[in-house]
Amino acid sequence: MSKKALTYNEALAEIEAIIERIEGDELDVDELTKDVKRVAELLKICKLKLRNTEEEVQKILKEFDEE
């Protein structure tokens, strides 16, 4: 069974939920390391998606300029 890739918005929503847990009274010290690692993974996903989007937009703009 393959994992469904997260969308940018899904990753961002998960980051926000984790941050709310950490900032709120729901902080579980035993889970903190796991949460921080998960946020780091999600940030990498978001960064990659933003970079890919930027590259695609630049490609489209370049093709538009060539016309």
PDB file of N, CA and C in Angstrom:
ATOM      1  N   MET A   1       0.835  -1.172   0.000  1.00  0.00           N
ATOM      2  CA  MET A   1       0.000   0.000   0.000  1.00  0.00           C
ATOM      3  C   MET A   1       0.886   1.244   0.000  1.00  0.00           C
ATOM      4  N   SER A   2       0.663   2.151  -0.956  1.00  0.00           N
ATOM      5  CA  SER A   2       1.506   3.331  -1.054  1.00  0.00           C
ATOM      6  C   SER A   2       0.913   4.478  -0.248  1.00  0.00           C
ATOM      7  N   LYS A   3       1.813   5.292   0.282  1.00  0.00           N
ATOM      8  CA  LYS A   3       1.383   6.456   1.040  1.00  0.00           C
ATOM      9  C   LYS A   3       0.993   7.573   0.083  1.00  0.00           C
ATOM     10  N   LYS A   4      -0.085   8.271   0.413  1.00  0.00           N
ATOM     11  CA  LYS A   4      -0.508   9.411  -0.381  1.00  0.00           C
ATOM     12  C   LYS A   4       0.412  10.577  -0.033  1.00  0.00           C
ATOM     13  N   ALA A   5       0.953  11.228  -1.053  1.00  0.00           N
ATOM     14  CA  ALA A   5       1.825  12.373  -0.821  1.00  0.00           C
ATOM     15  C   ALA A   5       1.002  13.530  -0.256  1.00  0.00           C
ATOM     16  N   LEU A   6       1.568  14.198   0.708  1.00  0.00           N
ATOM     17  CA  LEU A   6       0.894  15.336   1.299  1.00  0.00           C
ATOM     18  C   LEU A   6       0.906  16.520   0.346  1.00  0.00           C
ATOM     19  N   THR A   7      -0.169  17.261   0.353  1.00  0.00           N
ATOM     20  CA  THR A   7      -0.170  18.520  -0.379  1.00  0.00           C
ATOM     21  C   THR A   7       0.508  19.562   0.501  1.00  0.00           C
ATOM     22  N   TYR A   8       0.830  20.690  -0.096  1.00  0.00           N
ATOM     23  CA  TYR A   8       1.437  21.784   0.649  1.00  0.00           C
ATOM     24  C   TYR A   8       0.509  22.195   1.799  1.00  0.00           C
ATOM     25  N   ASN A   9      -0.781  22.365   1.479  1.00  0.00           N
ATOM     26  CA  ASN A   9      -1.736  22.813   2.498  1.00  0.00           C
ATOM     27  C   ASN A   9      -1.907  21.791   3.616  1.00  0.00           C
ATOM     28  N   GLU A  10      -1.866  20.512   3.298  1.00  0.00           N
ATOM     29  CA  GLU A  10      -1.960  19.478   4.325  1.00  0.00           C
ATOM     30  C   GLU A  10      -0.741  19.518   5.244  1.00  0.00           C
ATOM     31  N   ALA A  11       0.436  19.663   4.648  1.00  0.00           N
ATOM     32  CA  ALA A  11       1.665  19.730   5.437  1.00  0.00           C
ATOM     33  C   ALA A  11       1.651  20.962   6.333  1.00  0.00           C
ATOM     34  N   LEU A  12       1.233  22.086   5.777  1.00  0.00           N
ATOM     35  CA  LEU A  12       1.176  23.327   6.543  1.00  0.00           C
ATOM     36  C   LEU A  12       0.178  23.214   7.693  1.00  0.00           C
ATOM     37  N   ALA A  13      -0.963  22.607   7.434  1.00  0.00           N
ATOM     38  CA  ALA A  13      -1.972  22.425   8.482  1.00  0.00           C
ATOM     39  C   ALA A  13      -1.435  21.536   9.604  1.00  0.00           C
ATOM     40  N   GLU A  14      -0.698  20.506   9.244  1.00  0.00           N
ATOM     41  CA  GLU A  14      -0.132  19.623  10.272  1.00  0.00           C
ATOM     42  C   GLU A  14       0.920  20.360  11.093  1.00  0.00           C
ATOM     43  N   ILE A  15       1.740  21.180  10.431  1.00  0.00           N
ATOM     44  CA  ILE A  15       2.733  21.992  11.149  1.00  0.00           C
ATOM     45  C   ILE A  15       2.025  22.901  12.149  1.00  0.00           C
ATOM     46  N   GLU A  16       0.979  23.575  11.690  1.00  0.00           N
ATOM     47  CA  GLU A  16       0.243  24.492  12.560  1.00  0.00           C
ATOM     48  C   GLU A  16      -0.369  23.768  13.750  1.00  0.00           C
ATOM     49  N   ALA A  17      -0.892  22.562  13.523  1.00  0.00           N
ATOM     50  CA  ALA A  17      -1.493  21.784  14.612  1.00  0.00           C
ATOM     51  C   ALA A  17      -0.431  21.388  15.642  1.00  0.00           C
ATOM     52  N   ILE A  18       0.732  20.996  15.175  1.00  0.00           N
ATOM     53  CA  ILE A  18       1.818  20.612  16.087  1.00  0.00           C
ATOM     54  C   ILE A  18       2.272  21.823  16.885  1.00  0.00           C
ATOM     55  N   ILE A  19       2.412  22.959  16.227  1.00  0.00           N
ATOM     56  CA  ILE A  19       2.845  24.177  16.924  1.00  0.00           C
ATOM     57  C   ILE A  19       1.825  24.578  17.985  1.00  0.00           C
ATOM     58  N   GLU A  20       0.545  24.470  17.657  1.00  0.00           N
ATOM     59  CA  GLU A  20      -0.492  24.784  18.642  1.00  0.00           C
ATOM     60  C   GLU A  20      -0.393  23.866  19.857  1.00  0.00           C
ATOM     61  N   ARG A  21      -0.127  22.580  19.603  1.00  0.00           N
ATOM     62  CA  ARG A  21       0.028  21.633  20.716  1.00  0.00           C
ATOM     63  C   ARG A  21       1.220  22.019  21.581  1.00  0.00           C
ATOM     64  N   ILE A  22       2.337  22.372  20.927  1.00  0.00           N
ATOM     65  CA  ILE A  22       3.555  22.717  21.666  1.00  0.00           C
ATOM     66  C   ILE A  22       3.347  23.997  22.467  1.00  0.00           C
ATOM     67  N   GLU A  23       2.695  24.987  21.857  1.00  0.00           N
ATOM     68  CA  GLU A  23       2.482  26.273  22.530  1.00  0.00           C
ATOM     69  C   GLU A  23       1.392  26.206  23.595  1.00  0.00           C
ATOM     70  N   GLY A  24       0.484  25.290  23.443  1.00  0.00           N
ATOM     71  CA  GLY A  24      -0.632  25.188  24.384  1.00  0.00           C
ATOM     72  C   GLY A  24      -0.284  24.352  25.585  1.00  0.00           C
ATOM     73  N   ASP A  25      -1.288  24.010  26.303  1.00  0.00           N
ATOM     74  CA  ASP A  25      -1.116  23.199  27.508  1.00  0.00           C
ATOM     75  C   ASP A  25      -1.019  21.716  27.186  1.00  0.00           C
ATOM     76  N   GLU A  26      -1.033  21.374  25.917  1.00  0.00           N
ATOM     77  CA  GLU A  26      -1.019  19.974  25.518  1.00  0.00           C
ATOM     78  C   GLU A  26       0.394  19.408  25.372  1.00  0.00           C
ATOM     79  N   LEU A  27       1.390  20.165  25.776  1.00  0.00           N
ATOM     80  CA  LEU A  27       2.783  19.755  25.598  1.00  0.00           C
ATOM     81  C   LEU A  27       3.085  18.493  26.395  1.00  0.00           C
ATOM     82  N   ASP A  28       3.544  17.488  25.680  1.00  0.00           N
ATOM     83  CA  ASP A  28       3.993  16.241  26.286  1.00  0.00           C
ATOM     84  C   ASP A  28       5.487  16.149  26.001  1.00  0.00           C
ATOM     85  N   VAL A  29       6.275  16.319  27.031  1.00  0.00           N
ATOM     86  CA  VAL A  29       7.725  16.349  26.873  1.00  0.00           C
ATOM     87  C   VAL A  29       8.231  15.093  26.169  1.00  0.00           C
ATOM     88  N   ASP A  30       7.605  13.969  26.427  1.00  0.00           N
ATOM     89  CA  ASP A  30       8.023  12.722  25.796  1.00  0.00           C
ATOM     90  C   ASP A  30       7.773  12.735  24.290  1.00  0.00           C
ATOM     91  N   GLU A  31       6.810  13.526  23.861  1.00  0.00           N
ATOM     92  CA  GLU A  31       6.466  13.602  22.442  1.00  0.00           C
ATOM     93  C   GLU A  31       7.157  14.763  21.731  1.00  0.00           C
ATOM     94  N   LEU A  32       7.788  15.665  22.485  1.00  0.00           N
ATOM     95  CA  LEU A  32       8.362  16.875  21.904  1.00  0.00           C
ATOM     96  C   LEU A  32       9.378  16.569  20.811  1.00  0.00           C
ATOM     97  N   THR A  33      10.298  15.664  21.057  1.00  0.00           N
ATOM     98  CA  THR A  33      11.314  15.325  20.063  1.00  0.00           C
ATOM     99  C   THR A  33      10.667  14.790  18.792  1.00  0.00           C
ATOM    100  N   LYS A  34       9.682  13.918  18.959  1.00  0.00           N
ATOM    101  CA  LYS A  34       8.968  13.360  17.806  1.00  0.00           C
ATOM    102  C   LYS A  34       8.270  14.475  17.028  1.00  0.00           C
ATOM    103  N   ASP A  35       7.639  15.392  17.746  1.00  0.00           N
ATOM    104  CA  ASP A  35       6.936  16.497  17.087  1.00  0.00           C
ATOM    105  C   ASP A  35       7.902  17.404  16.332  1.00  0.00           C
ATOM    106  N   VAL A  36       9.030  17.727  16.945  1.00  0.00           N
ATOM    107  CA  VAL A  36      10.019  18.596  16.292  1.00  0.00           C
ATOM    108  C   VAL A  36      10.568  17.924  15.036  1.00  0.00           C
ATOM    109  N   LYS A  37      10.829  16.626  15.105  1.00  0.00           N
ATOM    110  CA  LYS A  37      11.304  15.903  13.929  1.00  0.00           C
ATOM    111  C   LYS A  37      10.248  15.903  12.820  1.00  0.00           C
ATOM    112  N   ARG A  38       8.991  15.721  13.191  1.00  0.00           N
ATOM    113  CA  ARG A  38       7.908  15.720  12.209  1.00  0.00           C
ATOM    114  C   ARG A  38       7.780  17.088  11.547  1.00  0.00           C
ATOM    115  N   VAL A  39       7.884  18.156  12.335  1.00  0.00           N
ATOM    116  CA  VAL A  39       7.826  19.502  11.766  1.00  0.00           C
ATOM    117  C   VAL A  39       8.975  19.704  10.786  1.00  0.00           C
ATOM    118  N   ALA A  40      10.160  19.227  11.123  1.00  0.00           N
ATOM    119  CA  ALA A  40      11.307  19.352  10.217  1.00  0.00           C
ATOM    120  C   ALA A  40      11.029  18.631   8.897  1.00  0.00           C
ATOM    121  N   GLU A  41      10.448  17.435   8.962  1.00  0.00           N
ATOM    122  CA  GLU A  41      10.096  16.688   7.747  1.00  0.00           C
ATOM    123  C   GLU A  41       9.067  17.457   6.918  1.00  0.00           C
ATOM    124  N   LEU A  42       8.064  17.991   7.601  1.00  0.00           N
ATOM    125  CA  LEU A  42       7.006  18.732   6.907  1.00  0.00           C
ATOM    126  C   LEU A  42       7.549  20.011   6.275  1.00  0.00           C
ATOM    127  N   LEU A  43       8.472  20.675   6.957  1.00  0.00           N
ATOM    128  CA  LEU A  43       9.082  21.878   6.390  1.00  0.00           C
ATOM    129  C   LEU A  43       9.876  21.550   5.131  1.00  0.00           C
ATOM    130  N   LYS A  44      10.551  20.409   5.126  1.00  0.00           N
ATOM    131  CA  LYS A  44      11.282  19.983   3.921  1.00  0.00           C
ATOM    132  C   LYS A  44      10.314  19.759   2.761  1.00  0.00           C
ATOM    133  N   ILE A  45       9.169  19.140   3.051  1.00  0.00           N
ATOM    134  CA  ILE A  45       8.154  18.911   2.024  1.00  0.00           C
ATOM    135  C   ILE A  45       7.668  20.242   1.466  1.00  0.00           C
ATOM    136  N   CYS A  46       7.351  21.179   2.360  1.00  0.00           N
ATOM    137  CA  CYS A  46       6.862  22.488   1.929  1.00  0.00           C
ATOM    138  C   CYS A  46       7.914  23.226   1.105  1.00  0.00           C
ATOM    139  N   LYS A  47       9.142  23.197   1.560  1.00  0.00           N
ATOM    140  CA  LYS A  47      10.229  23.881   0.860  1.00  0.00           C
ATOM    141  C   LYS A  47      10.413  23.294  -0.544  1.00  0.00           C
ATOM    142  N   LEU A  48      10.371  21.979  -0.657  1.00  0.00           N
ATOM    143  CA  LEU A  48      10.516  21.327  -1.956  1.00  0.00           C
ATOM    144  C   LEU A  48       9.364  21.702  -2.879  1.00  0.00           C
ATOM    145  N   LYS A  49       8.152  21.698  -2.354  1.00  0.00           N
ATOM    146  CA  LYS A  49       6.991  22.052  -3.173  1.00  0.00           C
ATOM    147  C   LYS A  49       7.062  23.503  -3.628  1.00  0.00           C
ATOM    148  N   LEU A  50       7.499  24.395  -2.755  1.00  0.00           N
ATOM    149  CA  LEU A  50       7.656  25.802  -3.133  1.00  0.00           C
ATOM    150  C   LEU A  50       8.740  25.972  -4.196  1.00  0.00           C
ATOM    151  N   ARG A  51       9.845  25.262  -4.028  1.00  0.00           N
ATOM    152  CA  ARG A  51      10.943  25.338  -5.005  1.00  0.00           C
ATOM    153  C   ARG A  51      10.473  24.814  -6.367  1.00  0.00           C
ATOM    154  N   ASN A  52       9.762  23.684  -6.363  1.00  0.00           N
ATOM    155  CA  ASN A  52       9.264  23.117  -7.617  1.00  0.00           C
ATOM    156  C   ASN A  52       8.270  24.055  -8.293  1.00  0.00           C
ATOM    157  N   THR A  53       7.413  24.670  -7.502  1.00  0.00           N
ATOM    158  CA  THR A  53       6.442  25.609  -8.047  1.00  0.00           C
ATOM    159  C   THR A  53       7.148  26.809  -8.650  1.00  0.00           C
ATOM    160  N   GLU A  54       8.143  27.324  -7.956  1.00  0.00           N
ATOM    161  CA  GLU A  54       8.905  28.466  -8.467  1.00  0.00           C
ATOM    162  C   GLU A  54       9.572  28.116  -9.798  1.00  0.00           C
ATOM    163  N   GLU A  55      10.158  26.927  -9.880  1.00  0.00           N
ATOM    164  CA  GLU A  55      10.810  26.500 -11.114  1.00  0.00           C
ATOM    165  C   GLU A  55       9.808  26.394 -12.263  1.00  0.00           C
ATOM    166  N   GLU A  56       8.630  25.851 -11.973  1.00  0.00           N
ATOM    167  CA  GLU A  56       7.597  25.726 -13.003  1.00  0.00           C
ATOM    168  C   GLU A  56       7.117  27.090 -13.480  1.00  0.00           C
ATOM    169  N   VAL A  57       6.921  28.006 -12.538  1.00  0.00           N
ATOM    170  CA  VAL A  57       6.486  29.358 -12.909  1.00  0.00           C
ATOM    171  C   VAL A  57       7.558  30.036 -13.760  1.00  0.00           C
ATOM    172  N   GLN A  58       8.816  29.900 -13.367  1.00  0.00           N
ATOM    173  CA  GLN A  58       9.907  30.491 -14.150  1.00  0.00           C
ATOM    174  C   GLN A  58       9.951  29.898 -15.560  1.00  0.00           C
ATOM    175  N   LYS A  59       9.729  28.603 -15.666  1.00  0.00           N
ATOM    176  CA  LYS A  59       9.714  27.933 -16.966  1.00  0.00           C
ATOM    177  C   LYS A  59       8.584  28.477 -17.834  1.00  0.00           C
ATOM    178  N   ILE A  60       7.399  28.626 -17.231  1.00  0.00           N
ATOM    179  CA  ILE A  60       6.250  29.151 -17.971  1.00  0.00           C
ATOM    180  C   ILE A  60       6.511  30.584 -18.418  1.00  0.00           C
ATOM    181  N   LEU A  61       7.059  31.397 -17.535  1.00  0.00           N
ATOM    182  CA  LEU A  61       7.362  32.788 -17.879  1.00  0.00           C
ATOM    183  C   LEU A  61       8.401  32.873 -18.993  1.00  0.00           C
ATOM    184  N   LYS A  62       9.386  31.998 -18.937  1.00  0.00           N
ATOM    185  CA  LYS A  62      10.424  31.985 -19.961  1.00  0.00           C
ATOM    186  C   LYS A  62       9.809  31.610 -21.312  1.00  0.00           C
ATOM    187  N   GLU A  63       8.944  30.598 -21.327  1.00  0.00           N
ATOM    188  CA  GLU A  63       8.278  30.207 -22.567  1.00  0.00           C
ATOM    189  C   GLU A  63       7.384  31.336 -23.078  1.00  0.00           C
ATOM    190  N   PHE A  64       6.738  32.039 -22.180  1.00  0.00           N
ATOM    191  CA  PHE A  64       5.880  33.154 -22.551  1.00  0.00           C
ATOM    192  C   PHE A  64       6.709  34.264 -23.188  1.00  0.00           C
ATOM    193  N   ASP A  65       7.865  34.557 -22.623  1.00  0.00           N
ATOM    194  CA  ASP A  65       8.748  35.604 -23.143  1.00  0.00           C
ATOM    195  C   ASP A  65       9.293  35.240 -24.524  1.00  0.00           C
ATOM    196  N   GLU A  66       9.451  33.956 -24.804  1.00  0.00           N
ATOM    197  CA  GLU A  66       9.998  33.513 -26.090  1.00  0.00           C
ATOM    198  C   GLU A  66       8.986  33.616 -27.209  1.00  0.00           C
ATOM    199  N   GLU A  67       7.722  33.751 -26.886  1.00  0.00           N
ATOM    200  CA  GLU A  67       6.683  33.808 -27.922  1.00  0.00           C
ATOM    201  C   GLU A  67       6.630  35.171 -28.564  1.00  0.00           C
TER     202      GLU A  67
END
